[in-house]
C-alpha cells in the first residue's frame, strides 16, 4: 500500500487554532472516514506528544 504520513502542527506555528486536536485533527480524521472514538484519538495524541509512541508505530496499541 505505500506510506501514509500525518504531520501535526505545534499549536500556532502553522495554524491559529488553540486546540489543534479538537479543531484540526478530529475533523481531519472524520473527513477521511476515521471512526476511532474521540477519547481514544485524544489519548493517542497525548501519548504521542509525550514520546510514548515511536515513529514506527510499534507502540501504538500497547
C-alpha atoms as a PDB file:
ATOM      1  CA  UNK A   1       0.000   0.000   0.000  1.00  0.00           C
ATOM      2  CA  UNK A   2       2.531   2.774   0.414  1.00  0.00           C
ATOM      3  CA  UNK A   3       3.360   5.030   3.287  1.00  0.00           C
ATOM      4  CA  UNK A   4       0.863   7.491   4.731  1.00  0.00           C
ATOM      5  CA  UNK A   5       2.089  10.418   6.795  1.00  0.00           C
ATOM      6  CA  UNK A   6       0.270  12.874   9.031  1.00  0.00           C
ATOM      7  CA  UNK A   7       2.190  15.964  10.143  1.00  0.00           C
ATOM      8  CA  UNK A   8       0.910  17.797  13.216  1.00  0.00           C
ATOM      9  CA  UNK A   9       1.416  21.483  13.935  1.00  0.00           C
ATOM     10  CA  UNK A  10       2.895  22.696  17.214  1.00  0.00           C
ATOM     11  CA  UNK A  11      -0.095  24.839  18.226  1.00  0.00           C
ATOM     12  CA  UNK A  12       0.037  28.127  16.460  1.00  0.00           C
ATOM     13  CA  UNK A  13       3.120  27.666  14.320  1.00  0.00           C
ATOM     14  CA  UNK A  14       1.150  26.967  11.140  1.00  0.00           C
ATOM     15  CA  UNK A  15      -2.486  27.267  12.253  1.00  0.00           C
ATOM     16  CA  UNK A  16      -4.160  29.816  14.501  1.00  0.00           C
ATOM     17  CA  UNK A  17      -6.269  27.260  16.353  1.00  0.00           C
ATOM     18  CA  UNK A  18      -5.559  26.881  20.041  1.00  0.00           C
ATOM     19  CA  UNK A  19      -6.922  23.335  20.312  1.00  0.00           C
ATOM     20  CA  UNK A  20      -5.356  21.555  17.375  1.00  0.00           C
ATOM     21  CA  UNK A  21      -6.795  18.179  18.338  1.00  0.00           C
ATOM     22  CA  UNK A  22     -10.427  19.305  18.589  1.00  0.00           C
ATOM     23  CA  UNK A  23     -10.354  21.924  15.834  1.00  0.00           C
ATOM     24  CA  UNK A  24      -7.994  20.288  13.313  1.00  0.00           C
ATOM     25  CA  UNK A  25      -7.061  16.665  13.957  1.00  0.00           C
ATOM     26  CA  UNK A  26     -10.515  15.262  14.763  1.00  0.00           C
ATOM     27  CA  UNK A  27     -12.219  16.966  11.777  1.00  0.00           C
ATOM     28  CA  UNK A  28      -9.336  15.865   9.501  1.00  0.00           C
ATOM     29  CA  UNK A  29      -9.698  12.254  10.603  1.00  0.00           C
ATOM     30  CA  UNK A  30     -13.510  12.283  10.395  1.00  0.00           C
ATOM     31  CA  UNK A  31     -13.386  13.728   6.872  1.00  0.00           C
ATOM     32  CA  UNK A  32     -11.281  10.731   5.911  1.00  0.00           C
ATOM     33  CA  UNK A  33     -13.629   8.179   7.421  1.00  0.00           C
ATOM     34  CA  UNK A  34     -11.966   7.579  10.788  1.00  0.00           C
ATOM     35  CA  UNK A  35     -14.383   6.008  13.281  1.00  0.00           C
ATOM     36  CA  UNK A  36     -11.980   5.739  16.232  1.00  0.00           C
ATOM     37  CA  UNK A  37     -13.690   7.263  19.297  1.00  0.00           C
ATOM     38  CA  UNK A  38     -12.677  10.850  20.029  1.00  0.00           C
ATOM     39  CA  UNK A  39     -11.445   9.943  23.517  1.00  0.00           C
ATOM     40  CA  UNK A  40      -9.086   7.332  22.059  1.00  0.00           C
ATOM     41  CA  UNK A  41      -7.731   9.776  19.467  1.00  0.00           C
ATOM     42  CA  UNK A  42      -7.116  12.324  22.233  1.00  0.00           C
ATOM     43  CA  UNK A  43      -5.356   9.689  24.364  1.00  0.00           C
ATOM     44  CA  UNK A  44      -3.141   8.570  21.462  1.00  0.00           C
ATOM     45  CA  UNK A  45      -2.310  12.184  20.622  1.00  0.00           C
ATOM     46  CA  UNK A  46      -1.344  12.803  24.251  1.00  0.00           C
ATOM     47  CA  UNK A  47       0.868   9.691  24.328  1.00  0.00           C
ATOM     48  CA  UNK A  48       2.489  10.778  21.085  1.00  0.00           C
ATOM     49  CA  UNK A  49       3.228  14.248  22.452  1.00  0.00           C
ATOM     50  CA  UNK A  50       4.931  12.619  25.465  1.00  0.00           C
ATOM     51  CA  UNK A  51       7.126  10.479  23.217  1.00  0.00           C
ATOM     52  CA  UNK A  52       5.415   7.247  24.246  1.00  0.00           C
ATOM     53  CA  UNK A  53       4.652   6.286  20.637  1.00  0.00           C
ATOM     54  CA  UNK A  54       7.553   5.629  18.325  1.00  0.00           C
ATOM     55  CA  UNK A  55       7.735   6.878  14.753  1.00  0.00           C
ATOM     56  CA  UNK A  56       7.440   3.265  13.584  1.00  0.00           C
ATOM     57  CA  UNK A  57       4.086   2.913  15.344  1.00  0.00           C
ATOM     58  CA  UNK A  58       5.182  -0.245  17.158  1.00  0.00           C
ATOM     59  CA  UNK A  59       3.923   1.112  20.498  1.00  0.00           C
ATOM     60  CA  UNK A  60       0.658   2.460  19.136  1.00  0.00           C
ATOM     61  CA  UNK A  61      -1.716  -0.038  20.737  1.00  0.00           C
ATOM     62  CA  UNK A  62       0.149  -1.025  23.900  1.00  0.00           C
END
